Amino acid sequence: MLRTCHHAIIRANDALNLKFSGLKATRHDDAPVLFSKLLKQGKIGSENGRFLRLLQKTAVEKSGADYGKRSFTHKNADEYVLEAEEFVAFVKNAIS
């Protein structure tokens, strides 16, 4: 479940960046950097800055979750699902 959330967040961010800057992250660590640039350039509203922390957290935790080096509680997983759904919904609306 977490792997799916991580990938959904990263792919949604790729779609957002492709739409507004023509760029796509080549490494997971680049995802928050590119999102931050969209915020600074005013291409997405500042109220969406709250998603920057989600992208930072995803970049850090993705590898550990993929390879079983990091464990998550069921509560953590549920929170990730909700955050991923919210972020994907924001991106879907922004690129439509």
PDB file of N, CA and C in Angstrom:
ATOM      1  N   MET A   1       0.819  -1.188   0.000  1.00  0.00           N
ATOM      2  CA  MET A   1       0.000   0.000   0.000  1.00  0.00           C
ATOM      3  C   MET A   1       0.871   1.263   0.000  1.00  0.00           C
ATOM      4  N   LEU A   2       1.906   1.279   0.855  1.00  0.00           N
ATOM      5  CA  LEU A   2       2.760   2.467   0.903  1.00  0.00           C
ATOM      6  C   LEU A   2       3.508   2.674  -0.400  1.00  0.00           C
ATOM      7  N   ARG A   3       3.948   1.593  -0.980  1.00  0.00           N
ATOM      8  CA  ARG A   3       4.660   1.712  -2.253  1.00  0.00           C
ATOM      9  C   ARG A   3       3.773   2.382  -3.300  1.00  0.00           C
ATOM     10  N   THR A   4       2.519   1.995  -3.335  1.00  0.00           N
ATOM     11  CA  THR A   4       1.571   2.595  -4.265  1.00  0.00           C
ATOM     12  C   THR A   4       1.385   4.081  -3.969  1.00  0.00           C
ATOM     13  N   CYS A   5       1.294   4.434  -2.694  1.00  0.00           N
ATOM     14  CA  CYS A   5       1.149   5.847  -2.321  1.00  0.00           C
ATOM     15  C   CYS A   5       2.366   6.653  -2.748  1.00  0.00           C
ATOM     16  N   HIS A   6       3.539   6.129  -2.465  1.00  0.00           N
ATOM     17  CA  HIS A   6       4.765   6.834  -2.849  1.00  0.00           C
ATOM     18  C   HIS A   6       4.818   7.068  -4.357  1.00  0.00           C
ATOM     19  N   HIS A   7       4.521   6.032  -5.102  1.00  0.00           N
ATOM     20  CA  HIS A   7       4.570   6.173  -6.558  1.00  0.00           C
ATOM     21  C   HIS A   7       3.487   7.127  -7.067  1.00  0.00           C
ATOM     22  N   ALA A   8       2.314   7.094  -6.478  1.00  0.00           N
ATOM     23  CA  ALA A   8       1.238   8.010  -6.887  1.00  0.00           C
ATOM     24  C   ALA A   8       1.643   9.459  -6.642  1.00  0.00           C
ATOM     25  N   ILE A   9       2.252   9.712  -5.501  1.00  0.00           N
ATOM     26  CA  ILE A   9       2.681  11.070  -5.166  1.00  0.00           C
ATOM     27  C   ILE A   9       3.760  11.546  -6.138  1.00  0.00           C
ATOM     28  N   ILE A  10       4.732  10.701  -6.387  1.00  0.00           N
ATOM     29  CA  ILE A  10       5.830  11.075  -7.283  1.00  0.00           C
ATOM     30  C   ILE A  10       5.342  11.262  -8.711  1.00  0.00           C
ATOM     31  N   ARG A  11       4.501  10.367  -9.185  1.00  0.00           N
ATOM     32  CA  ARG A  11       3.988  10.478 -10.563  1.00  0.00           C
ATOM     33  C   ARG A  11       3.068  11.688 -10.724  1.00  0.00           C
ATOM     34  N   ALA A  12       2.274  11.965  -9.709  1.00  0.00           N
ATOM     35  CA  ALA A  12       1.414  13.154  -9.770  1.00  0.00           C
ATOM     36  C   ALA A  12       2.273  14.413  -9.829  1.00  0.00           C
ATOM     37  N   ASN A  13       3.340  14.429  -9.044  1.00  0.00           N
ATOM     38  CA  ASN A  13       4.248  15.572  -9.078  1.00  0.00           C
ATOM     39  C   ASN A  13       4.905  15.700 -10.451  1.00  0.00           C
ATOM     40  N   ASP A  14       5.255  14.569 -11.051  1.00  0.00           N
ATOM     41  CA  ASP A  14       5.813  14.609 -12.415  1.00  0.00           C
ATOM     42  C   ASP A  14       4.816  15.248 -13.381  1.00  0.00           C
ATOM     43  N   ALA A  15       3.560  14.859 -13.290  1.00  0.00           N
ATOM     44  CA  ALA A  15       2.527  15.417 -14.176  1.00  0.00           C
ATOM     45  C   ALA A  15       2.394  16.921 -13.972  1.00  0.00           C
ATOM     46  N   LEU A  16       2.410  17.335 -12.722  1.00  0.00           N
ATOM     47  CA  LEU A  16       2.291  18.762 -12.396  1.00  0.00           C
ATOM     48  C   LEU A  16       3.456  19.546 -12.986  1.00  0.00           C
ATOM     49  N   ASN A  17       4.652  19.030 -12.803  1.00  0.00           N
ATOM     50  CA  ASN A  17       5.842  19.717 -13.316  1.00  0.00           C
ATOM     51  C   ASN A  17       5.898  19.705 -14.835  1.00  0.00           C
ATOM     52  N   LEU A  18       5.512  18.606 -15.448  1.00  0.00           N
ATOM     53  CA  LEU A  18       5.484  18.574 -16.915  1.00  0.00           C
ATOM     54  C   LEU A  18       4.520  19.614 -17.459  1.00  0.00           C
ATOM     55  N   LYS A  19       3.380  19.750 -16.802  1.00  0.00           N
ATOM     56  CA  LYS A  19       2.364  20.712 -17.243  1.00  0.00           C
ATOM     57  C   LYS A  19       2.871  22.157 -17.131  1.00  0.00           C
ATOM     58  N   PHE A  20       3.492  22.501 -16.008  1.00  0.00           N
ATOM     59  CA  PHE A  20       3.826  23.897 -15.751  1.00  0.00           C
ATOM     60  C   PHE A  20       5.268  24.300 -16.055  1.00  0.00           C
ATOM     61  N   SER A  21       6.176  23.347 -16.172  1.00  0.00           N
ATOM     62  CA  SER A  21       7.557  23.733 -16.437  1.00  0.00           C
ATOM     63  C   SER A  21       8.223  22.889 -17.516  1.00  0.00           C
ATOM     64  N   GLY A  22       7.540  21.830 -17.951  1.00  0.00           N
ATOM     65  CA  GLY A  22       8.119  20.964 -18.963  1.00  0.00           C
ATOM     66  C   GLY A  22       9.226  20.070 -18.429  1.00  0.00           C
ATOM     67  N   LEU A  23       9.373  20.023 -17.098  1.00  0.00           N
ATOM     68  CA  LEU A  23      10.414  19.213 -16.471  1.00  0.00           C
ATOM     69  C   LEU A  23       9.808  18.045 -15.710  1.00  0.00           C
ATOM     70  N   LYS A  24      10.626  17.014 -15.531  1.00  0.00           N
ATOM     71  CA  LYS A  24      10.220  15.852 -14.752  1.00  0.00           C
ATOM     72  C   LYS A  24      11.412  15.448 -13.895  1.00  0.00           C
ATOM     73  N   ALA A  25      11.153  15.079 -12.661  1.00  0.00           N
ATOM     74  CA  ALA A  25      12.236  14.666 -11.767  1.00  0.00           C
ATOM     75  C   ALA A  25      12.912  13.412 -12.321  1.00  0.00           C
ATOM     76  N   THR A  26      14.231  13.422 -12.316  1.00  0.00           N
ATOM     77  CA  THR A  26      14.967  12.239 -12.763  1.00  0.00           C
ATOM     78  C   THR A  26      15.346  11.367 -11.575  1.00  0.00           C
ATOM     79  N   ARG A  27      15.307  11.940 -10.379  1.00  0.00           N
ATOM     80  CA  ARG A  27      15.544  11.206  -9.137  1.00  0.00           C
ATOM     81  C   ARG A  27      14.433  11.591  -8.164  1.00  0.00           C
ATOM     82  N   HIS A  28      14.104  10.688  -7.265  1.00  0.00           N
ATOM     83  CA  HIS A  28      13.038  10.978  -6.310  1.00  0.00           C
ATOM     84  C   HIS A  28      13.366  12.184  -5.436  1.00  0.00           C
ATOM     85  N   ASP A  29      14.638  12.395  -5.168  1.00  0.00           N
ATOM     86  CA  ASP A  29      15.054  13.549  -4.370  1.00  0.00           C
ATOM     87  C   ASP A  29      14.757  14.874  -5.064  1.00  0.00           C
ATOM     88  N   ASP A  30      14.626  14.836  -6.382  1.00  0.00           N
ATOM     89  CA  ASP A  30      14.351  16.055  -7.148  1.00  0.00           C
ATOM     90  C   ASP A  30      12.887  16.484  -7.056  1.00  0.00           C
ATOM     91  N   ALA A  31      12.006  15.588  -6.687  1.00  0.00           N
ATOM     92  CA  ALA A  31      10.569  15.894  -6.678  1.00  0.00           C
ATOM     93  C   ALA A  31      10.235  17.107  -5.810  1.00  0.00           C
ATOM     94  N   PRO A  32      10.683  17.169  -4.551  1.00  0.00           N
ATOM     95  CA  PRO A  32      10.357  18.351  -3.758  1.00  0.00           C
ATOM     96  C   PRO A  32      11.005  19.629  -4.286  1.00  0.00           C
ATOM     97  N   VAL A  33      12.173  19.502  -4.876  1.00  0.00           N
ATOM     98  CA  VAL A  33      12.869  20.674  -5.422  1.00  0.00           C
ATOM     99  C   VAL A  33      12.057  21.281  -6.559  1.00  0.00           C
ATOM    100  N   LEU A  34      11.592  20.428  -7.467  1.00  0.00           N
ATOM    101  CA  LEU A  34      10.799  20.924  -8.596  1.00  0.00           C
ATOM    102  C   LEU A  34       9.468  21.508  -8.137  1.00  0.00           C
ATOM    103  N   PHE A  35       8.838  20.868  -7.152  1.00  0.00           N
ATOM    104  CA  PHE A  35       7.582  21.385  -6.612  1.00  0.00           C
ATOM    105  C   PHE A  35       7.812  22.758  -5.985  1.00  0.00           C
ATOM    106  N   SER A  36       8.901  22.885  -5.254  1.00  0.00           N
ATOM    107  CA  SER A  36       9.235  24.150  -4.618  1.00  0.00           C
ATOM    108  C   SER A  36       9.428  25.261  -5.658  1.00  0.00           C
ATOM    109  N   LYS A  37      10.042  24.928  -6.783  1.00  0.00           N
ATOM    110  CA  LYS A  37      10.231  25.915  -7.854  1.00  0.00           C
ATOM    111  C   LYS A  37       8.892  26.389  -8.402  1.00  0.00           C
ATOM    112  N   LEU A  38       7.932  25.465  -8.550  1.00  0.00           N
ATOM    113  CA  LEU A  38       6.600  25.862  -9.022  1.00  0.00           C
ATOM    114  C   LEU A  38       5.954  26.839  -8.047  1.00  0.00           C
ATOM    115  N   LEU A  39       6.133  26.578  -6.762  1.00  0.00           N
ATOM    116  CA  LEU A  39       5.595  27.487  -5.741  1.00  0.00           C
ATOM    117  C   LEU A  39       6.245  28.862  -5.847  1.00  0.00           C
ATOM    118  N   LYS A  40       7.579  28.900  -5.921  1.00  0.00           N
ATOM    119  CA  LYS A  40       8.309  30.159  -5.975  1.00  0.00           C
ATOM    120  C   LYS A  40       7.980  30.957  -7.226  1.00  0.00           C
ATOM    121  N   GLN A  41       7.731  30.264  -8.330  1.00  0.00           N
ATOM    122  CA  GLN A  41       7.405  30.933  -9.592  1.00  0.00           C
ATOM    123  C   GLN A  41       5.937  31.340  -9.669  1.00  0.00           C
ATOM    124  N   GLY A  42       5.153  30.979  -8.665  1.00  0.00           N
ATOM    125  CA  GLY A  42       3.735  31.323  -8.643  1.00  0.00           C
ATOM    126  C   GLY A  42       2.897  30.525  -9.624  1.00  0.00           C
ATOM    127  N   LYS A  43       3.414  29.405 -10.099  1.00  0.00           N
ATOM    128  CA  LYS A  43       2.660  28.588 -11.061  1.00  0.00           C
ATOM    129  C   LYS A  43       1.593  27.747 -10.379  1.00  0.00           C
ATOM    130  N   ILE A  44       1.755  27.544  -9.081  1.00  0.00           N
ATOM    131  CA  ILE A  44       0.714  26.930  -8.256  1.00  0.00           C
ATOM    132  C   ILE A  44       0.561  27.810  -7.025  1.00  0.00           C
ATOM    133  N   GLY A  45      -0.629  27.855  -6.494  1.00  0.00           N
ATOM    134  CA  GLY A  45      -0.910  28.736  -5.368  1.00  0.00           C
ATOM    135  C   GLY A  45      -0.129  28.387  -4.114  1.00  0.00           C
ATOM    136  N   SER A  46       0.213  29.409  -3.345  1.00  0.00           N
ATOM    137  CA  SER A  46       1.001  29.222  -2.128  1.00  0.00           C
ATOM    138  C   SER A  46       0.287  28.346  -1.102  1.00  0.00           C
ATOM    139  N   GLU A  47      -1.039  28.289  -1.159  1.00  0.00           N
ATOM    140  CA  GLU A  47      -1.786  27.437  -0.231  1.00  0.00           C
ATOM    141  C   GLU A  47      -1.445  25.951  -0.431  1.00  0.00           C
ATOM    142  N   ASN A  48      -0.860  25.639  -1.560  1.00  0.00           N
ATOM    143  CA  ASN A  48      -0.472  24.254  -1.832  1.00  0.00           C
ATOM    144  C   ASN A  48       0.943  23.944  -1.332  1.00  0.00           C
ATOM    145  N   GLY A  49       1.566  24.901  -0.711  1.00  0.00           N
ATOM    146  CA  GLY A  49       2.884  24.697  -0.135  1.00  0.00           C
ATOM    147  C   GLY A  49       2.893  23.599   0.909  1.00  0.00           C
ATOM    148  N   ARG A  50       1.738  23.310   1.479  1.00  0.00           N
ATOM    149  CA  ARG A  50       1.636  22.248   2.487  1.00  0.00           C
ATOM    150  C   ARG A  50       2.024  20.899   1.911  1.00  0.00           C
ATOM    151  N   PHE A  51       1.943  20.752   0.585  1.00  0.00           N
ATOM    152  CA  PHE A  51       2.299  19.473  -0.035  1.00  0.00           C
ATOM    153  C   PHE A  51       3.814  19.291  -0.168  1.00  0.00           C
ATOM    154  N   LEU A  52       4.569  20.363   0.014  1.00  0.00           N
ATOM    155  CA  LEU A  52       6.023  20.256  -0.071  1.00  0.00           C
ATOM    156  C   LEU A  52       6.554  19.281   0.976  1.00  0.00           C
ATOM    157  N   ARG A  53       6.037  19.347   2.185  1.00  0.00           N
ATOM    158  CA  ARG A  53       6.467  18.434   3.237  1.00  0.00           C
ATOM    159  C   ARG A  53       6.150  16.989   2.860  1.00  0.00           C
ATOM    160  N   LEU A  54       5.005  16.752   2.254  1.00  0.00           N
ATOM    161  CA  LEU A  54       4.642  15.403   1.811  1.00  0.00           C
ATOM    162  C   LEU A  54       5.645  14.891   0.786  1.00  0.00           C
ATOM    163  N   LEU A  55       6.030  15.720  -0.157  1.00  0.00           N
ATOM    164  CA  LEU A  55       7.004  15.313  -1.168  1.00  0.00           C
ATOM    165  C   LEU A  55       8.383  15.066  -0.544  1.00  0.00           C
ATOM    166  N   GLN A  56       8.757  15.886   0.410  1.00  0.00           N
ATOM    167  CA  GLN A  56      10.035  15.675   1.099  1.00  0.00           C
ATOM    168  C   GLN A  56      10.022  14.356   1.860  1.00  0.00           C
ATOM    169  N   LYS A  57       8.935  14.110   2.569  1.00  0.00           N
ATOM    170  CA  LYS A  57       8.798  12.870   3.330  1.00  0.00           C
ATOM    171  C   LYS A  57       8.806  11.663   2.398  1.00  0.00           C
ATOM    172  N   THR A  58       8.132  11.766   1.290  1.00  0.00           N
ATOM    173  CA  THR A  58       8.073  10.668   0.325  1.00  0.00           C
ATOM    174  C   THR A  58       9.451  10.375  -0.250  1.00  0.00           C
ATOM    175  N   ALA A  59      10.188  11.416  -0.593  1.00  0.00           N
ATOM    176  CA  ALA A  59      11.527  11.222  -1.158  1.00  0.00           C
ATOM    177  C   ALA A  59      12.441  10.502  -0.171  1.00  0.00           C
ATOM    178  N   VAL A  60      12.317  10.830   1.087  1.00  0.00           N
ATOM    179  CA  VAL A  60      13.163  10.227   2.116  1.00  0.00           C
ATOM    180  C   VAL A  60      12.743   8.787   2.415  1.00  0.00           C
ATOM    181  N   GLU A  61      11.457   8.541   2.506  1.00  0.00           N
ATOM    182  CA  GLU A  61      10.960   7.249   2.974  1.00  0.00           C
ATOM    183  C   GLU A  61      10.732   6.208   1.892  1.00  0.00           C
ATOM    184  N   LYS A  62      10.698   6.614   0.637  1.00  0.00           N
ATOM    185  CA  LYS A  62      10.345   5.697  -0.437  1.00  0.00           C
ATOM    186  C   LYS A  62      11.261   4.482  -0.516  1.00  0.00           C
ATOM    187  N   SER A  63      12.547   4.684  -0.555  1.00  0.00           N
ATOM    188  CA  SER A  63      13.479   3.563  -0.690  1.00  0.00           C
ATOM    189  C   SER A  63      13.374   2.600   0.483  1.00  0.00           C
ATOM    190  N   GLY A  64      13.296   3.132   1.681  1.00  0.00           N
ATOM    191  CA  GLY A  64      13.165   2.280   2.857  1.00  0.00           C
ATOM    192  C   GLY A  64      11.914   1.446   2.825  1.00  0.00           C
ATOM    193  N   ALA A  65      10.826   2.038   2.341  1.00  0.00           N
ATOM    194  CA  ALA A  65       9.568   1.296   2.249  1.00  0.00           C
ATOM    195  C   ALA A  65       9.632   0.247   1.140  1.00  0.00           C
ATOM    196  N   ASP A  66      10.232   0.599   0.014  1.00  0.00           N
ATOM    197  CA  ASP A  66      10.320  -0.332  -1.120  1.00  0.00           C
ATOM    198  C   ASP A  66      11.138  -1.568  -0.788  1.00  0.00           C
ATOM    199  N   TYR A  67      12.186  -1.386  -0.033  1.00  0.00           N
ATOM    200  CA  TYR A  67      13.111  -2.491   0.221  1.00  0.00           C
ATOM    201  C   TYR A  67      13.008  -3.066   1.624  1.00  0.00           C
ATOM    202  N   GLY A  68      11.954  -2.706   2.339  1.00  0.00           N
ATOM    203  CA  GLY A  68      11.716  -3.273   3.654  1.00  0.00           C
ATOM    204  C   GLY A  68      12.674  -2.818   4.735  1.00  0.00           C
ATOM    205  N   LYS A  69      13.374  -1.736   4.493  1.00  0.00           N
ATOM    206  CA  LYS A  69      14.330  -1.223   5.486  1.00  0.00           C
ATOM    207  C   LYS A  69      13.657  -0.287   6.483  1.00  0.00           C
ATOM    208  N   ARG A  70      12.448   0.073   6.209  1.00  0.00           N
ATOM    209  CA  ARG A  70      11.705   0.985   7.084  1.00  0.00           C
ATOM    210  C   ARG A  70      10.338   0.384   7.306  1.00  0.00           C
ATOM    211  N   SER A  71       9.902   0.382   8.552  1.00  0.00           N
ATOM    212  CA  SER A  71       8.568  -0.141   8.832  1.00  0.00           C
ATOM    213  C   SER A  71       7.631   1.012   9.183  1.00  0.00           C
ATOM    214  N   PHE A  72       6.382   0.800   8.913  1.00  0.00           N
ATOM    215  CA  PHE A  72       5.354   1.799   9.158  1.00  0.00           C
ATOM    216  C   PHE A  72       4.220   1.144   9.931  1.00  0.00           C
ATOM    217  N   THR A  73       3.611   1.905  10.790  1.00  0.00           N
ATOM    218  CA  THR A  73       2.440   1.391  11.500  1.00  0.00           C
ATOM    219  C   THR A  73       1.237   1.459  10.572  1.00  0.00           C
ATOM    220  N   HIS A  74       0.201   0.767  10.952  1.00  0.00           N
ATOM    221  CA  HIS A  74      -1.031   0.809  10.159  1.00  0.00           C
ATOM    222  C   HIS A  74      -1.573   2.237  10.129  1.00  0.00           C
ATOM    223  N   LYS A  75      -1.432   2.948  11.240  1.00  0.00           N
ATOM    224  CA  LYS A  75      -1.881   4.342  11.303  1.00  0.00           C
ATOM    225  C   LYS A  75      -1.086   5.204  10.326  1.00  0.00           C
ATOM    226  N   ASN A  76       0.256   5.002  10.275  1.00  0.00           N
ATOM    227  CA  ASN A  76       1.083   5.742   9.310  1.00  0.00           C
ATOM    228  C   ASN A  76       0.624   5.476   7.887  1.00  0.00           C
ATOM    229  N   ALA A  77       0.348   4.223   7.593  1.00  0.00           N
ATOM    230  CA  ALA A  77      -0.081   3.855   6.247  1.00  0.00           C
ATOM    231  C   ALA A  77      -1.412   4.519   5.902  1.00  0.00           C
ATOM    232  N   ASP A  78      -2.345   4.504   6.838  1.00  0.00           N
ATOM    233  CA  ASP A  78      -3.641   5.149   6.601  1.00  0.00           C
ATOM    234  C   ASP A  78      -3.478   6.641   6.336  1.00  0.00           C
ATOM    235  N   GLU A  79      -2.579   7.283   7.093  1.00  0.00           N
ATOM    236  CA  GLU A  79      -2.334   8.714   6.896  1.00  0.00           C
ATOM    237  C   GLU A  79      -1.713   8.978   5.521  1.00  0.00           C
ATOM    238  N   TYR A  80      -0.795   8.110   5.122  1.00  0.00           N
ATOM    239  CA  TYR A  80      -0.176   8.249   3.800  1.00  0.00           C
ATOM    240  C   TYR A  80      -1.215   8.139   2.694  1.00  0.00           C
ATOM    241  N   VAL A  81      -2.130   7.204   2.834  1.00  0.00           N
ATOM    242  CA  VAL A  81      -3.181   7.031   1.822  1.00  0.00           C
ATOM    243  C   VAL A  81      -3.999   8.313   1.702  1.00  0.00           C
ATOM    244  N   LEU A  82      -4.388   8.877   2.823  1.00  0.00           N
ATOM    245  CA  LEU A  82      -5.192  10.111   2.792  1.00  0.00           C
ATOM    246  C   LEU A  82      -4.414  11.270   2.178  1.00  0.00           C
ATOM    247  N   GLU A  83      -3.143  11.393   2.555  1.00  0.00           N
ATOM    248  CA  GLU A  83      -2.316  12.470   2.002  1.00  0.00           C
ATOM    249  C   GLU A  83      -2.101  12.281   0.497  1.00  0.00           C
ATOM    250  N   ALA A  84      -1.882  11.048   0.086  1.00  0.00           N
ATOM    251  CA  ALA A  84      -1.684  10.769  -1.344  1.00  0.00           C
ATOM    252  C   ALA A  84      -2.951  11.089  -2.121  1.00  0.00           C
ATOM    253  N   GLU A  85      -4.091  10.694  -1.602  1.00  0.00           N
ATOM    254  CA  GLU A  85      -5.359  10.988  -2.277  1.00  0.00           C
ATOM    255  C   GLU A  85      -5.576  12.485  -2.418  1.00  0.00           C
ATOM    256  N   GLU A  86      -5.271  13.216  -1.360  1.00  0.00           N
ATOM    257  CA  GLU A  86      -5.446  14.671  -1.384  1.00  0.00           C
ATOM    258  C   GLU A  86      -4.504  15.314  -2.403  1.00  0.00           C
ATOM    259  N   PHE A  87      -3.255  14.865  -2.432  1.00  0.00           N
ATOM    260  CA  PHE A  87      -2.284  15.432  -3.365  1.00  0.00           C
ATOM    261  C   PHE A  87      -2.660  15.105  -4.811  1.00  0.00           C
ATOM    262  N   VAL A  88      -3.033  13.874  -5.074  1.00  0.00           N
ATOM    263  CA  VAL A  88      -3.410  13.482  -6.436  1.00  0.00           C
ATOM    264  C   VAL A  88      -4.645  14.271  -6.883  1.00  0.00           C
ATOM    265  N   ALA A  89      -5.593  14.481  -5.988  1.00  0.00           N
ATOM    266  CA  ALA A  89      -6.787  15.269  -6.331  1.00  0.00           C
ATOM    267  C   ALA A  89      -6.402  16.713  -6.661  1.00  0.00           C
ATOM    268  N   PHE A  90      -5.490  17.291  -5.877  1.00  0.00           N
ATOM    269  CA  PHE A  90      -5.014  18.648  -6.156  1.00  0.00           C
ATOM    270  C   PHE A  90      -4.374  18.709  -7.545  1.00  0.00           C
ATOM    271  N   VAL A  91      -3.498  17.753  -7.844  1.00  0.00           N
ATOM    272  CA  VAL A  91      -2.799  17.746  -9.129  1.00  0.00           C
ATOM    273  C   VAL A  91      -3.793  17.570 -10.270  1.00  0.00           C
ATOM    274  N   LYS A  92      -4.714  16.653 -10.101  1.00  0.00           N
ATOM    275  CA  LYS A  92      -5.715  16.415 -11.153  1.00  0.00           C
ATOM    276  C   LYS A  92      -6.468  17.707 -11.468  1.00  0.00           C
ATOM    277  N   ASN A  93      -6.852  18.424 -10.447  1.00  0.00           N
ATOM    278  CA  ASN A  93      -7.570  19.689 -10.625  1.00  0.00           C
ATOM    279  C   ASN A  93      -6.659  20.734 -11.275  1.00  0.00           C
ATOM    280  N   ALA A  94      -5.415  20.780 -10.841  1.00  0.00           N
ATOM    281  CA  ALA A  94      -4.470  21.797 -11.353  1.00  0.00           C
ATOM    282  C   ALA A  94      -4.116  21.597 -12.820  1.00  0.00           C
ATOM    283  N   ILE A  95      -4.052  20.367 -13.260  1.00  0.00           N
ATOM    284  CA  ILE A  95      -3.631  20.128 -14.655  1.00  0.00           C
ATOM    285  C   ILE A  95      -4.812  20.002 -15.621  1.00  0.00           C
ATOM    286  N   SER A  96      -6.013  20.013 -15.081  1.00  0.00           N
ATOM    287  CA  SER A  96      -7.199  19.902 -15.955  1.00  0.00           C
ATOM    288  C   SER A  96      -7.491  21.193 -16.681  1.00  0.00           C
TER     289      SER A  96
END
